[in-house]
């Protein structure tokens, strides 16, 4: 009898363990589904429905001094593309990067600049006129406008404020030069350099960015048609 009771208890314990295991699996699956739904909703909220158009954003024009290293004053060819970059200097501001470009005229030996720098609070500083070349995109310096973007950490991911300003500025430049989102590229697409890092390592984020630029351009067309 005692042996039977022990066997019965063992079977009960085994059944309980199986039941708890099944419950645990169900809870885990539910948590994973909820997490995936949350990520989808968050991403949609974060990057979509921005209600932006291609109107000119507020731009702080601080042109670099004409110099050999960052603003040679060379006229560009007709603009056929917009190139997105990241600073690779976490925590630096738009003003920091603009001042660095201007300081190169003292003879640091580097040839670096960008037409625009977008800061982490969404501020936009213009460094080089769009009708002049900037030293940013290698073989595409002659026919593109470059946008350098600040970021808070090593991941290279932009703040929401930066992201919104990049979308607005890119759409504005596309409208100005009669381009579409298909003419917007990464520095990576020119040289294979990991720039802008987050958009290179997260292709889905890059495609979302292009879709947001397209939506801003479409919103501008809709406004004109009203």
Protein backbone atom coordinates (compact mmCIF):
# COMPACT_ATOMS: atom_id res chain seq x y z
CA UNK A 1 0.00 0.00 0.00
CA UNK A 2 2.75 2.35 0.97
CA UNK A 3 4.52 1.62 -2.31
CA UNK A 4 1.32 2.34 -4.28
CA UNK A 5 0.83 5.65 -2.47
CA UNK A 6 4.43 6.63 -3.27
CA UNK A 7 3.94 5.73 -6.95
CA UNK A 8 0.70 7.73 -7.01
CA UNK A 9 2.46 10.74 -5.50
CA UNK A 10 5.25 10.45 -8.06
CA UNK A 11 2.71 10.40 -10.91
CA UNK A 12 0.91 13.39 -9.41
CA UNK A 13 4.18 15.29 -9.07
CA UNK A 14 5.17 14.43 -12.63
CA UNK A 15 1.76 15.56 -13.91
CA UNK A 16 2.09 18.80 -11.94
CA UNK A 17 5.54 19.40 -13.39
CA UNK A 18 4.21 18.82 -16.89
CA UNK A 19 1.29 21.15 -16.22
CA UNK A 20 3.55 23.86 -14.81
CA UNK A 21 5.86 23.43 -17.79
CA UNK A 22 2.96 23.89 -20.21
CA UNK A 23 1.71 26.94 -18.30
CA UNK A 24 5.23 28.37 -18.36
CA UNK A 25 5.48 27.87 -22.11
CA UNK A 26 2.10 29.54 -22.67
CA UNK A 27 3.12 32.50 -20.49
CA UNK A 28 6.41 32.79 -22.37
CA UNK A 29 4.68 32.75 -25.76
CA UNK A 30 2.18 35.38 -24.60
CA UNK A 31 4.98 37.59 -23.30
CA UNK A 32 6.86 37.26 -26.60
CA UNK A 33 3.75 38.17 -28.60
CA UNK A 34 3.05 41.17 -26.36
CA UNK A 35 6.68 42.29 -26.68
CA UNK A 36 6.59 42.01 -30.48
CA UNK A 37 3.30 43.95 -30.62
CA UNK A 38 4.74 46.63 -28.35
CA UNK A 39 7.84 46.98 -30.50
CA UNK A 40 5.72 47.30 -33.64
CA UNK A 41 3.46 49.91 -32.07
CA UNK A 42 6.44 51.82 -30.63
CA UNK A 43 8.27 51.81 -33.92
CA UNK A 44 5.18 52.96 -35.80
CA UNK A 45 4.62 55.75 -33.30
CA UNK A 46 8.26 56.71 -33.26
CA UNK A 47 8.81 57.07 -36.99
CA UNK A 48 5.49 57.12 -38.78
CA UNK A 49 2.68 59.65 -38.91
CA UNK A 50 5.15 62.47 -38.35
CA UNK A 51 2.91 64.86 -40.26
CA UNK A 52 5.91 66.51 -41.89
CA UNK A 53 6.15 68.12 -45.30
CA UNK A 54 8.93 69.43 -47.50
CA UNK A 55 8.73 73.04 -46.37
CA UNK A 56 12.00 74.73 -45.45
CA UNK A 57 12.99 73.99 -41.84
CA UNK A 58 14.67 76.53 -39.58
CA UNK A 59 18.36 76.65 -40.53
CA UNK A 60 21.14 78.42 -38.65
CA UNK A 61 23.46 79.56 -41.43
CA UNK A 62 27.07 79.68 -40.19
CA UNK A 63 29.14 79.32 -43.34
CA UNK A 64 32.73 78.18 -42.95
CA UNK A 65 35.52 80.51 -43.94
CA UNK A 66 36.73 79.67 -47.43
CA UNK A 67 39.84 77.57 -46.98
CA UNK A 68 41.72 74.66 -48.48
CA UNK A 69 40.66 72.04 -45.95
CA UNK A 70 36.90 72.36 -45.46
CA UNK A 71 35.39 74.92 -47.83
CA UNK A 72 37.38 75.31 -51.03
CA UNK A 73 34.67 77.45 -52.64
CA UNK A 74 34.46 75.12 -55.64
CA UNK A 75 31.14 75.18 -57.49
CA UNK A 76 29.31 71.85 -57.51
CA UNK A 77 27.76 70.15 -60.50
CA UNK A 78 23.95 69.95 -60.70
CA UNK A 79 22.77 68.20 -57.54
CA UNK A 80 21.58 64.63 -58.12
CA UNK A 81 21.57 63.20 -54.61
CA UNK A 82 21.42 63.77 -50.86
CA UNK A 83 23.91 61.88 -48.67
CA UNK A 84 23.27 61.06 -45.00
CA UNK A 85 26.22 60.76 -42.57
CA UNK A 86 26.80 60.44 -38.83
CA UNK A 87 29.53 62.25 -36.90
CA UNK A 88 31.06 59.13 -35.25
CA UNK A 89 31.69 61.43 -32.28
CA UNK A 90 29.06 60.57 -29.63
CA UNK A 91 27.71 63.48 -27.65
CA UNK A 92 29.13 66.21 -29.88
CA UNK A 93 26.80 69.02 -30.91
CA UNK A 94 26.07 70.58 -34.28
CA UNK A 95 28.00 73.64 -33.18
CA UNK A 96 30.98 71.52 -32.09
CA UNK A 97 31.17 69.90 -35.50
CA UNK A 98 30.73 73.14 -37.39
CA UNK A 99 33.51 74.77 -35.37
CA UNK A 100 35.75 71.75 -35.93
CA UNK A 101 35.28 72.03 -39.70
CA UNK A 102 36.09 75.74 -39.59
CA UNK A 103 39.17 75.15 -37.44
CA UNK A 104 40.70 72.87 -40.08
CA UNK A 105 41.82 75.98 -41.97
CA UNK A 106 44.63 76.28 -39.44
CA UNK A 107 46.35 73.38 -41.17
CA UNK A 108 45.41 70.13 -39.44
CA UNK A 109 45.87 68.22 -42.68
CA UNK A 110 42.32 66.82 -42.80
CA UNK A 111 39.89 67.58 -45.61
CA UNK A 112 36.47 67.25 -43.98
CA UNK A 113 33.19 69.15 -43.98
CA UNK A 114 29.48 68.87 -44.66
CA UNK A 115 26.83 71.18 -46.03
CA UNK A 116 24.63 70.71 -42.95
CA UNK A 117 25.00 69.37 -39.42
CA UNK A 118 21.90 68.29 -37.50
CA UNK A 119 22.22 68.35 -33.70
CA UNK A 120 20.71 66.14 -31.02
CA UNK A 121 18.03 68.71 -30.20
CA UNK A 122 17.05 68.95 -33.85
CA UNK A 123 18.97 72.14 -34.58
CA UNK A 124 20.28 72.50 -38.13
CA UNK A 125 23.51 74.36 -38.85
CA UNK A 126 24.54 75.08 -42.45
CA UNK A 127 28.30 75.09 -43.03
CA UNK A 128 28.69 75.15 -46.81
CA UNK A 129 26.37 76.58 -49.51
CA UNK A 130 24.60 73.84 -51.44
CA UNK A 131 26.01 75.20 -54.71
CA UNK A 132 29.56 74.50 -53.47
CA UNK A 133 31.19 71.13 -52.81
CA UNK A 134 31.85 69.91 -49.28
CA UNK A 135 34.45 67.31 -48.38
CA UNK A 136 32.08 64.60 -47.19
CA UNK A 137 31.13 61.98 -49.77
CA UNK A 138 34.31 61.15 -51.66
CA UNK A 139 33.54 60.50 -55.34
CA UNK A 140 30.07 62.05 -54.91
CA UNK A 141 31.25 65.39 -53.50
CA UNK A 142 30.71 67.05 -56.87
CA UNK A 143 26.97 66.38 -57.26
CA UNK A 144 25.48 65.78 -53.81
CA UNK A 145 24.46 67.66 -50.69
CA UNK A 146 25.70 66.13 -47.43
CA UNK A 147 23.93 66.06 -44.08
CA UNK A 148 26.06 65.20 -41.02
CA UNK A 149 24.03 63.97 -38.03
CA UNK A 150 24.89 64.02 -34.32
CA UNK A 151 24.08 61.11 -32.00
CA UNK A 152 24.25 60.51 -28.24
CA UNK A 153 26.10 57.20 -28.04
CA UNK A 154 28.18 54.55 -29.81
CA UNK A 155 25.17 52.89 -31.44
CA UNK A 156 24.86 55.84 -33.80
CA UNK A 157 21.09 55.94 -33.27
CA UNK A 158 19.66 59.43 -33.59
CA UNK A 159 17.41 61.13 -31.07
CA UNK A 160 13.79 61.64 -32.11
CA UNK A 161 14.49 65.38 -32.47
CA UNK A 162 17.45 64.70 -34.76
CA UNK A 163 15.46 62.19 -36.78
CA UNK A 164 12.58 64.56 -37.39
CA UNK A 165 14.94 67.33 -38.51
CA UNK A 166 16.78 64.97 -40.86
CA UNK A 167 13.50 63.93 -42.47
CA UNK A 168 12.39 67.54 -42.86
CA UNK A 169 15.73 68.76 -44.21
CA UNK A 170 16.10 65.84 -46.60
CA UNK A 171 12.57 66.31 -47.94
CA UNK A 172 13.15 70.05 -48.33
CA UNK A 173 16.37 69.46 -50.29
CA UNK A 174 14.67 66.82 -52.46
CA UNK A 175 11.92 69.30 -53.25
CA UNK A 176 14.45 72.06 -53.95
CA UNK A 177 16.44 69.95 -56.40
CA UNK A 178 13.50 68.00 -57.85
CA UNK A 179 14.66 64.71 -56.37
CA UNK A 180 12.80 61.84 -54.68
CA UNK A 181 13.62 59.55 -51.76
CA UNK A 182 15.25 57.24 -54.32
CA UNK A 183 18.01 59.83 -54.70
CA UNK A 184 18.79 59.78 -50.97
CA UNK A 185 21.75 57.58 -50.06
CA UNK A 186 24.10 56.77 -47.19
CA UNK A 187 27.83 57.47 -47.15
CA UNK A 188 28.00 53.67 -47.02
CA UNK A 189 26.43 53.47 -50.47
CA UNK A 190 29.31 55.48 -51.91
CA UNK A 191 32.33 53.94 -50.18
CA UNK A 192 31.16 50.99 -48.07
CA UNK A 193 32.06 52.92 -44.91
CA UNK A 194 29.91 52.13 -41.86
CA UNK A 195 28.24 55.53 -42.03
CA UNK A 196 25.67 56.41 -40.84
CA UNK A 197 26.26 53.47 -38.50
CA UNK A 198 22.71 52.86 -37.27
CA UNK A 199 21.21 53.08 -40.76
CA UNK A 200 23.85 50.71 -42.13
CA UNK A 201 23.45 48.14 -39.36
CA UNK A 202 19.64 48.41 -39.32
CA UNK A 203 18.39 48.28 -42.90
CA UNK A 204 14.79 48.38 -41.70
CA UNK A 205 15.43 51.73 -39.99
CA UNK A 206 16.94 53.08 -43.21
CA UNK A 207 13.93 51.96 -45.25
CA UNK A 208 11.61 53.58 -42.68
CA UNK A 209 13.58 56.82 -42.99
CA UNK A 210 13.21 56.79 -46.77
CA UNK A 211 9.48 56.10 -46.39
CA UNK A 212 9.17 59.07 -44.02
CA UNK A 213 10.96 61.32 -46.53
CA UNK A 214 8.60 60.10 -49.25
CA UNK A 215 5.60 60.79 -46.99
CA UNK A 216 6.85 64.35 -46.36
CA UNK A 217 7.24 64.94 -50.09
CA UNK A 218 3.76 63.55 -50.73
CA UNK A 219 2.31 65.80 -48.01
CA UNK A 220 3.88 68.77 -49.75
CA UNK A 221 2.35 67.77 -53.07
CA UNK A 222 -1.04 67.38 -51.43
CA UNK A 223 -0.79 70.87 -49.95
CA UNK A 224 -0.01 72.32 -53.37
CA UNK A 225 -2.99 70.52 -54.87
CA UNK A 226 -5.46 71.98 -52.41
